[in-house]
PDB file of N, CA and C in Angstrom:
ATOM      1  N   MET A   1      75.757  46.851  28.115  1.00  0.00           N
ATOM      2  CA  MET A   1      75.900  45.908  29.210  1.00  0.00           C
ATOM      3  C   MET A   1      77.337  45.859  29.715  1.00  0.00           C
ATOM      4  N   ILE A   2      78.287  45.800  28.783  1.00  0.00           N
ATOM      5  CA  ILE A   2      79.695  45.777  29.185  1.00  0.00           C
ATOM      6  C   ILE A   2      80.060  47.082  29.895  1.00  0.00           C
ATOM      7  N   GLN A   3      79.496  48.187  29.438  1.00  0.00           N
ATOM      8  CA  GLN A   3      79.770  49.482  30.053  1.00  0.00           C
ATOM      9  C   GLN A   3      79.385  49.474  31.526  1.00  0.00           C
ATOM     10  N   ILE A   4      78.291  48.830  31.852  1.00  0.00           N
ATOM     11  CA  ILE A   4      77.842  48.743  33.244  1.00  0.00           C
ATOM     12  C   ILE A   4      78.870  47.968  34.074  1.00  0.00           C
ATOM     13  N   PHE A   5      79.425  46.882  33.503  1.00  0.00           N
ATOM     14  CA  PHE A   5      80.460  46.122  34.209  1.00  0.00           C
ATOM     15  C   PHE A   5      81.623  47.024  34.592  1.00  0.00           C
ATOM     16  N   TRP A   6      82.055  47.863  33.667  1.00  0.00           N
ATOM     17  CA  TRP A   6      83.209  48.727  33.934  1.00  0.00           C
ATOM     18  C   TRP A   6      82.893  49.749  35.022  1.00  0.00           C
ATOM     19  N   TYR A   7      81.684  50.295  35.011  1.00  0.00           N
ATOM     20  CA  TYR A   7      81.312  51.244  36.060  1.00  0.00           C
ATOM     21  C   TYR A   7      81.220  50.560  37.418  1.00  0.00           C
ATOM     22  N   VAL A   8      80.654  49.360  37.458  1.00  0.00           N
ATOM     23  CA  VAL A   8      80.575  48.605  38.709  1.00  0.00           C
ATOM     24  C   VAL A   8      81.974  48.244  39.196  1.00  0.00           C
ATOM     25  N   TYR A   9      82.835  47.843  38.271  1.00  0.00           N
ATOM     26  CA  TYR A   9      84.209  47.491  38.624  1.00  0.00           C
ATOM     27  C   TYR A   9      84.949  48.705  39.198  1.00  0.00           C
ATOM     28  N   ALA A  10      84.809  49.855  38.548  1.00  0.00           N
ATOM     29  CA  ALA A  10      85.457  51.073  39.041  1.00  0.00           C
ATOM     30  C   ALA A  10      84.923  51.445  40.423  1.00  0.00           C
ATOM     31  N   ALA A  11      83.632  51.276  40.633  1.00  0.00           N
ATOM     32  CA  ALA A  11      83.041  51.567  41.943  1.00  0.00           C
ATOM     33  C   ALA A  11      83.561  50.607  43.006  1.00  0.00           C
ATOM     34  N   LEU A  12      83.736  49.347  42.644  1.00  0.00           N
ATOM     35  CA  LEU A  12      84.290  48.357  43.579  1.00  0.00           C
ATOM     36  C   LEU A  12      85.708  48.729  43.984  1.00  0.00           C
ATOM     37  N   LEU A  13      86.537  49.103  43.017  1.00  0.00           N
ATOM     38  CA  LEU A  13      87.909  49.504  43.331  1.00  0.00           C
ATOM     39  C   LEU A  13      87.934  50.752  44.209  1.00  0.00           C
ATOM     40  N   ALA A  14      87.102  51.725  43.871  1.00  0.00           N
ATOM     41  CA  ALA A  14      87.062  52.962  44.648  1.00  0.00           C
ATOM     42  C   ALA A  14      86.577  52.701  46.075  1.00  0.00           C
ATOM     43  N   THR A  15      85.571  51.875  46.217  1.00  0.00           N
ATOM     44  CA  THR A  15      85.031  51.561  47.542  1.00  0.00           C
ATOM     45  C   THR A  15      86.071  50.857  48.408  1.00  0.00           C
ATOM     46  N   SER A  16      86.791  49.916  47.822  1.00  0.00           N
ATOM     47  CA  SER A  16      87.803  49.204  48.615  1.00  0.00           C
ATOM     48  C   SER A  16      88.937  50.135  49.021  1.00  0.00           C
ATOM     49  N   THR A  17      89.321  51.050  48.160  1.00  0.00           N
ATOM     50  CA  THR A  17      90.383  51.995  48.504  1.00  0.00           C
ATOM     51  C   THR A  17      89.917  52.984  49.567  1.00  0.00           C
ATOM     52  N   ILE A  18      88.695  53.454  49.444  1.00  0.00           N
ATOM     53  CA  ILE A  18      88.162  54.374  50.456  1.00  0.00           C
ATOM     54  C   ILE A  18      88.067  53.668  51.809  1.00  0.00           C
ATOM     55  N   ALA A  19      87.637  52.420  51.828  1.00  0.00           N
ATOM     56  CA  ALA A  19      87.573  51.669  53.078  1.00  0.00           C
ATOM     57  C   ALA A  19      88.960  51.482  53.679  1.00  0.00           C
ATOM     58  N   PHE A  20      89.947  51.196  52.841  1.00  0.00           N
ATOM     59  CA  PHE A  20      91.327  51.047  53.310  1.00  0.00           C
ATOM     60  C   PHE A  20      91.815  52.374  53.888  1.00  0.00           C
ATOM     61  N   PHE A  21      91.456  53.475  53.247  1.00  0.00           N
ATOM     62  CA  PHE A  21      91.850  54.799  53.709  1.00  0.00           C
ATOM     63  C   PHE A  21      91.200  55.128  55.049  1.00  0.00           C
ATOM     64  N   ILE A  22      89.909  54.833  55.185  1.00  0.00           N
ATOM     65  CA  ILE A  22      89.179  55.134  56.424  1.00  0.00           C
ATOM     66  C   ILE A  22      89.741  54.346  57.600  1.00  0.00           C
ATOM     67  N   HIS A  23      90.151  53.124  57.354  1.00  0.00           N
ATOM     68  CA  HIS A  23      90.683  52.281  58.426  1.00  0.00           C
ATOM     69  C   HIS A  23      92.170  52.521  58.671  1.00  0.00           C
ATOM     70  N   GLY A  24      92.721  53.612  58.155  1.00  0.00           N
ATOM     71  CA  GLY A  24      94.096  54.001  58.450  1.00  0.00           C
ATOM     72  C   GLY A  24      95.141  53.221  57.690  1.00  0.00           C
ATOM     73  N   GLY A  25      94.831  52.740  56.504  1.00  0.00           N
ATOM     74  CA  GLY A  25      95.772  51.940  55.740  1.00  0.00           C
ATOM     75  C   GLY A  25      96.870  52.723  55.055  1.00  0.00           C
ATOM     76  N   TYR A  26      96.717  54.035  54.958  1.00  0.00           N
ATOM     77  CA  TYR A  26      97.706  54.840  54.246  1.00  0.00           C
ATOM     78  C   TYR A  26      98.539  55.677  55.208  1.00  0.00           C
ATOM     79  N   LYS A  27      99.038  55.056  56.263  1.00  0.00           N
ATOM     80  CA  LYS A  27      99.851  55.763  57.246  1.00  0.00           C
ATOM     81  C   LYS A  27     101.289  55.951  56.777  1.00  0.00           C
ATOM     82  N   SER A  28     101.808  55.004  56.052  1.00  0.00           N
ATOM     83  CA  SER A  28     103.200  55.027  55.614  1.00  0.00           C
ATOM     84  C   SER A  28     103.322  55.743  54.269  1.00  0.00           C
ATOM     85  N   PRO A  29     104.443  56.428  54.034  1.00  0.00           N
ATOM     86  CA  PRO A  29     104.645  57.076  52.735  1.00  0.00           C
ATOM     87  C   PRO A  29     104.634  56.098  51.565  1.00  0.00           C
ATOM     88  N   VAL A  30     105.055  54.869  51.805  1.00  0.00           N
ATOM     89  CA  VAL A  30     105.054  53.867  50.735  1.00  0.00           C
ATOM     90  C   VAL A  30     103.618  53.561  50.307  1.00  0.00           C
ATOM     91  N   PHE A  31     102.704  53.512  51.249  1.00  0.00           N
ATOM     92  CA  PHE A  31     101.300  53.274  50.913  1.00  0.00           C
ATOM     93  C   PHE A  31     100.700  54.479  50.187  1.00  0.00           C
ATOM     94  N   LEU A  32     101.191  55.673  50.481  1.00  0.00           N
ATOM     95  CA  LEU A  32     100.739  56.856  49.750  1.00  0.00           C
ATOM     96  C   LEU A  32     101.248  56.831  48.310  1.00  0.00           C
ATOM     97  N   ILE A  33     102.449  56.315  48.098  1.00  0.00           N
ATOM     98  CA  ILE A  33     102.955  56.136  46.730  1.00  0.00           C
ATOM     99  C   ILE A  33     102.079  55.130  45.993  1.00  0.00           C
ATOM    100  N   ASP A  34     101.694  54.067  46.679  1.00  0.00           N
ATOM    101  CA  ASP A  34     100.794  53.090  46.073  1.00  0.00           C
ATOM    102  C   ASP A  34      99.454  53.737  45.721  1.00  0.00           C
ATOM    103  N   LEU A  35      98.960  54.597  46.585  1.00  0.00           N
ATOM    104  CA  LEU A  35      97.719  55.315  46.300  1.00  0.00           C
ATOM    105  C   LEU A  35      97.872  56.186  45.054  1.00  0.00           C
ATOM    106  N   ALA A  36      99.020  56.827  44.882  1.00  0.00           N
ATOM    107  CA  ALA A  36      99.255  57.662  43.698  1.00  0.00           C
ATOM    108  C   ALA A  36      99.223  56.810  42.425  1.00  0.00           C
ATOM    109  N   PHE A  37      99.885  55.655  42.448  1.00  0.00           N
ATOM    110  CA  PHE A  37      99.838  54.750  41.293  1.00  0.00           C
ATOM    111  C   PHE A  37      98.410  54.291  41.021  1.00  0.00           C
ATOM    112  N   THR A  38      97.668  54.038  42.080  1.00  0.00           N
ATOM    113  CA  THR A  38      96.287  53.592  41.940  1.00  0.00           C
ATOM    114  C   THR A  38      95.430  54.670  41.286  1.00  0.00           C
ATOM    115  N   VAL A  39      95.575  55.895  41.727  1.00  0.00           N
ATOM    116  CA  VAL A  39      94.783  56.994  41.170  1.00  0.00           C
ATOM    117  C   VAL A  39      95.125  57.211  39.696  1.00  0.00           C
ATOM    118  N   ILE A  40      96.389  57.131  39.344  1.00  0.00           N
ATOM    119  CA  ILE A  40      96.791  57.276  37.941  1.00  0.00           C
ATOM    120  C   ILE A  40      96.181  56.155  37.099  1.00  0.00           C
ATOM    121  N   ALA A  41      96.179  54.944  37.625  1.00  0.00           N
ATOM    122  CA  ALA A  41      95.571  53.827  36.896  1.00  0.00           C
ATOM    123  C   ALA A  41      94.069  54.044  36.747  1.00  0.00           C
ATOM    124  N   TRP A  42      93.427  54.601  37.765  1.00  0.00           N
ATOM    125  CA  TRP A  42      91.997  54.885  37.673  1.00  0.00           C
ATOM    126  C   TRP A  42      91.685  55.933  36.628  1.00  0.00           C
ATOM    127  N   ILE A  43      92.577  56.896  36.463  1.00  0.00           N
ATOM    128  CA  ILE A  43      92.390  57.900  35.417  1.00  0.00           C
ATOM    129  C   ILE A  43      92.363  57.213  34.053  1.00  0.00           C
ATOM    130  N   GLY A  44      93.268  56.247  33.867  1.00  0.00           N
ATOM    131  CA  GLY A  44      93.260  55.472  32.625  1.00  0.00           C
ATOM    132  C   GLY A  44      91.998  54.647  32.477  1.00  0.00           C
ATOM    133  N   LEU A  45      91.539  54.046  33.564  1.00  0.00           N
ATOM    134  CA  LEU A  45      90.290  53.285  33.521  1.00  0.00           C
ATOM    135  C   LEU A  45      89.120  54.196  33.159  1.00  0.00           C
ATOM    136  N   PHE A  46      89.097  55.395  33.722  1.00  0.00           N
ATOM    137  CA  PHE A  46      88.048  56.365  33.401  1.00  0.00           C
ATOM    138  C   PHE A  46      88.097  56.742  31.918  1.00  0.00           C
ATOM    139  N   GLY A  47      89.294  56.986  31.406  1.00  0.00           N
ATOM    140  CA  GLY A  47      89.423  57.316  29.990  1.00  0.00           C
ATOM    141  C   GLY A  47      88.992  56.175  29.090  1.00  0.00           C
ATOM    142  N   PHE A  48      89.314  54.951  29.490  1.00  0.00           N
ATOM    143  CA  PHE A  48      88.910  53.776  28.717  1.00  0.00           C
ATOM    144  C   PHE A  48      87.395  53.615  28.706  1.00  0.00           C
ATOM    145  N   VAL A  49      86.776  53.759  29.864  1.00  0.00           N
ATOM    146  CA  VAL A  49      85.330  53.551  29.973  1.00  0.00           C
ATOM    147  C   VAL A  49      84.555  54.639  29.234  1.00  0.00           C
ATOM    148  N   THR A  50      85.010  55.873  29.336  1.00  0.00           N
ATOM    149  CA  THR A  50      84.278  56.981  28.728  1.00  0.00           C
ATOM    150  C   THR A  50      84.722  57.271  27.295  1.00  0.00           C
ATOM    151  N   HIS A  51      85.726  56.558  26.813  1.00  0.00           N
ATOM    152  CA  HIS A  51      86.274  56.763  25.460  1.00  0.00           C
ATOM    153  C   HIS A  51      86.774  58.198  25.279  1.00  0.00           C
ATOM    154  N   PHE A  52      87.401  58.719  26.319  1.00  0.00           N
ATOM    155  CA  PHE A  52      87.936  60.071  26.299  1.00  0.00           C
ATOM    156  C   PHE A  52      89.457  59.983  26.378  1.00  0.00           C
ATOM    157  N   GLN A  53      90.154  60.568  25.407  1.00  0.00           N
ATOM    158  CA  GLN A  53      91.618  60.509  25.378  1.00  0.00           C
ATOM    159  C   GLN A  53      92.196  61.523  26.356  1.00  0.00           C
ATOM    160  N   ILE A  54      92.873  61.039  27.396  1.00  0.00           N
ATOM    161  CA  ILE A  54      93.408  61.916  28.429  1.00  0.00           C
ATOM    162  C   ILE A  54      94.873  62.252  28.155  1.00  0.00           C
ATOM    163  N   PHE A  55      95.706  61.263  27.938  1.00  0.00           N
ATOM    164  CA  PHE A  55      97.096  61.463  27.540  1.00  0.00           C
ATOM    165  C   PHE A  55      97.299  60.762  26.209  1.00  0.00           C
ATOM    166  N   THR A  56      98.529  60.775  25.727  1.00  0.00           N
ATOM    167  CA  THR A  56      98.826  60.069  24.483  1.00  0.00           C
ATOM    168  C   THR A  56      98.904  58.570  24.760  1.00  0.00           C
ATOM    169  N   PRO A  57      98.710  57.749  23.738  1.00  0.00           N
ATOM    170  CA  PRO A  57      98.841  56.298  23.944  1.00  0.00           C
ATOM    171  C   PRO A  57     100.226  55.895  24.459  1.00  0.00           C
ATOM    172  N   PHE A  58     101.265  56.584  24.016  1.00  0.00           N
ATOM    173  CA  PHE A  58     102.610  56.256  24.502  1.00  0.00           C
ATOM    174  C   PHE A  58     102.718  56.495  26.006  1.00  0.00           C
ATOM    175  N   ALA A  59     102.122  57.585  26.481  1.00  0.00           N
ATOM    176  CA  ALA A  59     102.149  57.857  27.917  1.00  0.00           C
ATOM    177  C   ALA A  59     101.460  56.733  28.682  1.00  0.00           C
ATOM    178  N   TRP A  60     100.354  56.216  28.136  1.00  0.00           N
ATOM    179  CA  TRP A  60      99.645  55.129  28.814  1.00  0.00           C
ATOM    180  C   TRP A  60     100.407  53.816  28.725  1.00  0.00           C
ATOM    181  N   GLN A  61     101.202  53.638  27.684  1.00  0.00           N
ATOM    182  CA  GLN A  61     102.042  52.445  27.605  1.00  0.00           C
ATOM    183  C   GLN A  61     103.079  52.470  28.722  1.00  0.00           C
ATOM    184  N   VAL A  62     103.677  53.631  28.947  1.00  0.00           N
ATOM    185  CA  VAL A  62     104.658  53.781  30.029  1.00  0.00           C
ATOM    186  C   VAL A  62     103.967  53.623  31.384  1.00  0.00           C
ATOM    187  N   ILE A  63     102.799  54.240  31.531  1.00  0.00           N
ATOM    188  CA  ILE A  63     102.060  54.155  32.788  1.00  0.00           C
ATOM    189  C   ILE A  63     101.643  52.715  33.066  1.00  0.00           C
ATOM    190  N   LEU A  64     101.192  52.000  32.035  1.00  0.00           N
ATOM    191  CA  LEU A  64     100.809  50.595  32.214  1.00  0.00           C
ATOM    192  C   LEU A  64     101.983  49.781  32.744  1.00  0.00           C
ATOM    193  N   GLY A  65     103.138  49.926  32.121  1.00  0.00           N
ATOM    194  CA  GLY A  65     104.319  49.200  32.580  1.00  0.00           C
ATOM    195  C   GLY A  65     104.691  49.569  34.005  1.00  0.00           C
ATOM    196  N   ALA A  66     104.629  50.867  34.327  1.00  0.00           N
ATOM    197  CA  ALA A  66     104.983  51.315  35.675  1.00  0.00           C
ATOM    198  C   ALA A  66     103.986  50.805  36.709  1.00  0.00           C
ATOM    199  N   VAL A  67     102.704  50.821  36.376  1.00  0.00           N
ATOM    200  CA  VAL A  67     101.675  50.376  37.330  1.00  0.00           C
ATOM    201  C   VAL A  67     101.800  48.874  37.596  1.00  0.00           C
ATOM    202  N   VAL A  68     101.958  48.096  36.548  1.00  0.00           N
ATOM    203  CA  VAL A  68     102.091  46.643  36.734  1.00  0.00           C
ATOM    204  C   VAL A  68     103.361  46.325  37.518  1.00  0.00           C
ATOM    205  N   LEU A  69     104.468  46.960  37.162  1.00  0.00           N
ATOM    206  CA  LEU A  69     105.726  46.722  37.880  1.00  0.00           C
ATOM    207  C   LEU A  69     105.599  47.138  39.344  1.00  0.00           C
ATOM    208  N   TRP A  70     105.029  48.306  39.592  1.00  0.00           N
ATOM    209  CA  TRP A  70     104.860  48.765  40.969  1.00  0.00           C
ATOM    210  C   TRP A  70     103.968  47.810  41.751  1.00  0.00           C
ATOM    211  N   ASP A  71     102.842  47.403  41.172  1.00  0.00           N
ATOM    212  CA  ASP A  71     101.938  46.507  41.892  1.00  0.00           C
ATOM    213  C   ASP A  71     102.623  45.198  42.260  1.00  0.00           C
ATOM    214  N   LEU A  72     103.379  44.640  41.339  1.00  0.00           N
ATOM    215  CA  LEU A  72     104.081  43.384  41.638  1.00  0.00           C
ATOM    216  C   LEU A  72     105.141  43.577  42.712  1.00  0.00           C
ATOM    217  N   LEU A  73     105.963  44.615  42.558  1.00  0.00           N
ATOM    218  CA  LEU A  73     107.002  44.871  43.561  1.00  0.00           C
ATOM    219  C   LEU A  73     106.389  45.200  44.918  1.00  0.00           C
ATOM    220  N   PHE A  74     105.372  46.032  44.902  1.00  0.00           N
ATOM    221  CA  PHE A  74     104.741  46.440  46.159  1.00  0.00           C
ATOM    222  C   PHE A  74     104.098  45.253  46.852  1.00  0.00           C
ATOM    223  N   PHE A  75     103.346  44.454  46.113  1.00  0.00           N
ATOM    224  CA  PHE A  75     102.612  43.356  46.736  1.00  0.00           C
ATOM    225  C   PHE A  75     103.526  42.265  47.265  1.00  0.00           C
ATOM    226  N   PHE A  76     104.540  41.892  46.481  1.00  0.00           N
ATOM    227  CA  PHE A  76     105.363  40.748  46.872  1.00  0.00           C
ATOM    228  C   PHE A  76     106.582  41.106  47.708  1.00  0.00           C
ATOM    229  N   PHE A  77     107.074  42.342  47.624  1.00  0.00           N
ATOM    230  CA  PHE A  77     108.324  42.656  48.314  1.00  0.00           C
ATOM    231  C   PHE A  77     108.213  43.830  49.288  1.00  0.00           C
ATOM    232  N   ILE A  78     107.650  44.938  48.865  1.00  0.00           N
ATOM    233  CA  ILE A  78     107.688  46.164  49.653  1.00  0.00           C
ATOM    234  C   ILE A  78     106.687  46.147  50.796  1.00  0.00           C
ATOM    235  N   LYS A  79     105.485  45.705  50.538  1.00  0.00           N
ATOM    236  CA  LYS A  79     104.399  45.767  51.520  1.00  0.00           C
ATOM    237  C   LYS A  79     104.723  45.010  52.803  1.00  0.00           C
ATOM    238  N   ALA A  80     105.431  43.924  52.704  1.00  0.00           N
ATOM    239  CA  ALA A  80     105.741  43.109  53.881  1.00  0.00           C
ATOM    240  C   ALA A  80     106.608  43.861  54.894  1.00  0.00           C
ATOM    241  N   HIS A  81     107.416  44.786  54.418  1.00  0.00           N
ATOM    242  CA  HIS A  81     108.294  45.530  55.323  1.00  0.00           C
ATOM    243  C   HIS A  81     107.563  46.649  56.066  1.00  0.00           C
ATOM    244  N   PHE A  82     106.378  47.012  55.607  1.00  0.00           N
ATOM    245  CA  PHE A  82     105.667  48.133  56.193  1.00  0.00           C
ATOM    246  C   PHE A  82     104.372  47.749  56.888  1.00  0.00           C
ATOM    247  N   THR A  83     104.064  46.459  56.932  1.00  0.00           N
ATOM    248  CA  THR A  83     102.874  46.024  57.656  1.00  0.00           C
ATOM    249  C   THR A  83     103.281  45.514  59.025  1.00  0.00           C
ATOM    250  N   GLU A  84     102.360  45.569  59.948  1.00  0.00           N
ATOM    251  CA  GLU A  84     102.646  45.181  61.328  1.00  0.00           C
ATOM    252  C   GLU A  84     102.131  43.795  61.659  1.00  0.00           C
ATOM    253  N   GLN A  85     101.783  43.033  60.631  1.00  0.00           N
ATOM    254  CA  GLN A  85     101.245  41.699  60.869  1.00  0.00           C
ATOM    255  C   GLN A  85     102.375  40.722  61.153  1.00  0.00           C
ATOM    256  N   GLU A  86     102.064  39.732  61.965  1.00  0.00           N
ATOM    257  CA  GLU A  86     103.028  38.683  62.258  1.00  0.00           C
ATOM    258  C   GLU A  86     102.971  37.639  61.153  1.00  0.00           C
ATOM    259  N   PRO A  87     104.105  37.011  60.833  1.00  0.00           N
ATOM    260  CA  PRO A  87     104.079  35.974  59.809  1.00  0.00           C
ATOM    261  C   PRO A  87     103.193  34.813  60.242  1.00  0.00           C
ATOM    262  N   GLU A  88     102.431  34.302  59.300  1.00  0.00           N
ATOM    263  CA  GLU A  88     101.529  33.188  59.588  1.00  0.00           C
ATOM    264  C   GLU A  88     102.144  31.887  59.101  1.00  0.00           C
ATOM    265  N   ALA A  89     101.597  30.794  59.598  1.00  0.00           N
ATOM    266  CA  ALA A  89     102.024  29.489  59.112  1.00  0.00           C
ATOM    267  C   ALA A  89     101.562  29.337  57.676  1.00  0.00           C
ATOM    268  N   GLY A  90     102.394  28.743  56.856  1.00  0.00           N
ATOM    269  CA  GLY A  90     102.032  28.567  55.455  1.00  0.00           C
ATOM    270  C   GLY A  90     102.082  29.875  54.682  1.00  0.00           C
ATOM    271  N   THR A  91     103.059  30.717  54.986  1.00  0.00           N
ATOM    272  CA  THR A  91     103.139  32.035  54.385  1.00  0.00           C
ATOM    273  C   THR A  91     103.278  31.954  52.872  1.00  0.00           C
ATOM    274  N   LEU A  92     104.031  30.998  52.364  1.00  0.00           N
ATOM    275  CA  LEU A  92     104.216  30.890  50.916  1.00  0.00           C
ATOM    276  C   LEU A  92     102.887  30.599  50.219  1.00  0.00           C
ATOM    277  N   SER A  93     102.119  29.680  50.769  1.00  0.00           N
ATOM    278  CA  SER A  93     100.831  29.369  50.144  1.00  0.00           C
ATOM    279  C   SER A  93      99.875  30.552  50.233  1.00  0.00           C
ATOM    280  N   MET A  94      99.918  31.288  51.332  1.00  0.00           N
ATOM    281  CA  MET A  94      99.071  32.480  51.459  1.00  0.00           C
ATOM    282  C   MET A  94      99.515  33.559  50.484  1.00  0.00           C
ATOM    283  N   THR A  95     100.820  33.688  50.261  1.00  0.00           N
ATOM    284  CA  THR A  95     101.320  34.679  49.308  1.00  0.00           C
ATOM    285  C   THR A  95     100.888  34.317  47.901  1.00  0.00           C
ATOM    286  N   VAL A  96     100.958  33.057  47.543  1.00  0.00           N
ATOM    287  CA  VAL A  96     100.524  32.614  46.216  1.00  0.00           C
ATOM    288  C   VAL A  96      99.023  32.840  46.060  1.00  0.00           C
ATOM    289  N   PHE A  97      98.250  32.461  47.076  1.00  0.00           N
ATOM    290  CA  PHE A  97      96.803  32.663  47.030  1.00  0.00           C
ATOM    291  C   PHE A  97      96.465  34.150  46.927  1.00  0.00           C
ATOM    292  N   SER A  98      97.126  34.967  47.730  1.00  0.00           N
ATOM    293  CA  SER A  98      96.884  36.409  47.698  1.00  0.00           C
ATOM    294  C   SER A  98      97.303  37.010  46.366  1.00  0.00           C
ATOM    295  N   GLY A  99      98.401  36.516  45.791  1.00  0.00           N
ATOM    296  CA  GLY A  99      98.830  36.991  44.484  1.00  0.00           C
ATOM    297  C   GLY A  99      97.839  36.657  43.392  1.00  0.00           C
ATOM    298  N   LEU A 100      97.279  35.462  43.444  1.00  0.00           N
ATOM    299  CA  LEU A 100      96.249  35.091  42.469  1.00  0.00           C
ATOM    300  C   LEU A 100      94.994  35.938  42.648  1.00  0.00           C
ATOM    301  N   PHE A 101      94.630  36.194  43.894  1.00  0.00           N
ATOM    302  CA  PHE A 101      93.480  37.042  44.165  1.00  0.00           C
ATOM    303  C   PHE A 101      93.720  38.460  43.656  1.00  0.00           C
ATOM    304  N   MET A 102      94.949  38.970  43.854  1.00  0.00           N
ATOM    305  CA  MET A 102      95.291  40.291  43.357  1.00  0.00           C
ATOM    306  C   MET A 102      95.192  40.332  41.837  1.00  0.00           C
ATOM    307  N   LEU A 103      95.668  39.288  41.174  1.00  0.00           N
ATOM    308  CA  LEU A 103      95.608  39.232  39.716  1.00  0.00           C
ATOM    309  C   LEU A 103      94.169  39.191  39.220  1.00  0.00           C
ATOM    310  N   ILE A 104      93.320  38.443  39.908  1.00  0.00           N
ATOM    311  CA  ILE A 104      91.899  38.383  39.530  1.00  0.00           C
ATOM    312  C   ILE A 104      91.233  39.739  39.752  1.00  0.00           C
ATOM    313  N   LEU A 105      91.564  40.383  40.852  1.00  0.00           N
ATOM    314  CA  LEU A 105      90.955  41.667  41.165  1.00  0.00           C
ATOM    315  C   LEU A 105      91.453  42.787  40.249  1.00  0.00           C
ATOM    316  N   LEU A 106      92.750  42.793  39.957  1.00  0.00           N
ATOM    317  CA  LEU A 106      93.325  43.876  39.159  1.00  0.00           C
ATOM    318  C   LEU A 106      93.465  43.532  37.679  1.00  0.00           C
ATOM    319  N   GLY A 107      93.193  42.301  37.304  1.00  0.00           N
ATOM    320  CA  GLY A 107      93.287  41.903  35.902  1.00  0.00           C
ATOM    321  C   GLY A 107      92.456  42.764  34.963  1.00  0.00           C
ATOM    322  N   PRO A 108      91.191  43.023  35.291  1.00  0.00           N
ATOM    323  CA  PRO A 108      90.405  43.904  34.413  1.00  0.00           C
ATOM    324  C   PRO A 108      90.985  45.317  34.298  1.00  0.00           C
ATOM    325  N   LEU A 109      91.573  45.823  35.375  1.00  0.00           N
ATOM    326  CA  LEU A 109      92.208  47.139  35.314  1.00  0.00           C
ATOM    327  C   LEU A 109      93.386  47.122  34.354  1.00  0.00           C
ATOM    328  N   TYR A 110      94.217  46.092  34.441  1.00  0.00           N
ATOM    329  CA  TYR A 110      95.362  45.973  33.521  1.00  0.00           C
ATOM    330  C   TYR A 110      94.875  45.808  32.084  1.00  0.00           C
ATOM    331  N   TYR A 111      93.804  45.051  31.888  1.00  0.00           N
ATOM    332  CA  TYR A 111      93.237  44.882  30.557  1.00  0.00           C
ATOM    333  C   TYR A 111      92.769  46.224  29.995  1.00  0.00           C
ATOM    334  N   ALA A 112      92.054  46.985  30.818  1.00  0.00           N
ATOM    335  CA  ALA A 112      91.555  48.292  30.375  1.00  0.00           C
ATOM    336  C   ALA A 112      92.706  49.232  30.047  1.00  0.00           C
ATOM    337  N   LEU A 113      93.737  49.247  30.870  1.00  0.00           N
ATOM    338  CA  LEU A 113      94.891  50.115  30.594  1.00  0.00           C
ATOM    339  C   LEU A 113      95.608  49.670  29.322  1.00  0.00           C
ATOM    340  N   PHE A 114      95.695  48.360  29.114  1.00  0.00           N
ATOM    341  CA  PHE A 114      96.327  47.852  27.898  1.00  0.00           C
ATOM    342  C   PHE A 114      95.523  48.270  26.658  1.00  0.00           C
ATOM    343  N   GLN A 115      94.220  48.097  26.718  1.00  0.00           N
ATOM    344  CA  GLN A 115      93.374  48.497  25.580  1.00  0.00           C
ATOM    345  C   GLN A 115      93.436  50.007  25.347  1.00  0.00           C
ATOM    346  N   TYR A 116      93.525  50.757  26.417  1.00  0.00           N
ATOM    347  CA  TYR A 116      93.578  52.214  26.323  1.00  0.00           C
ATOM    348  C   TYR A 116      94.935  52.671  25.771  1.00  0.00           C
ATOM    349  N   ALA A 117      95.993  51.932  26.095  1.00  0.00           N
ATOM    350  CA  ALA A 117      97.336  52.306  25.650  1.00  0.00           C
ATOM    351  C   ALA A 117      97.611  51.908  24.212  1.00  0.00           C
ATOM    352  N   PHE A 118      97.028  50.803  23.783  1.00  0.00           N
ATOM    353  CA  PHE A 118      97.319  50.323  22.423  1.00  0.00           C
ATOM    354  C   PHE A 118      96.059  50.418  21.616  1.00  0.00           C
TER     355      PHE A 118
END
């Protein structure tokens, strides 16, 4: 049953990324770097779900730290400089809400990478 959750979760992440790609979300090189981090994290998720050792645990420990650091920096600092959206009223509350949503959405991925690394 838990295995099905992981496959559904991986499909949800892949679908959202493909939709973002189709709608032209990866125009900037910074977004392509984010895509590279995402794909590397998915490789770890795949290894965790299938119980297949892809790299060494130390490599996944480094990758976990890099992915979490990149996601935080990208979401809160870098992404704002490369999007064409106008600032909205209540930007701080929207940033906090969006950050919590990001944590809920990516929390299982970080958990899987942590379990896979350690």
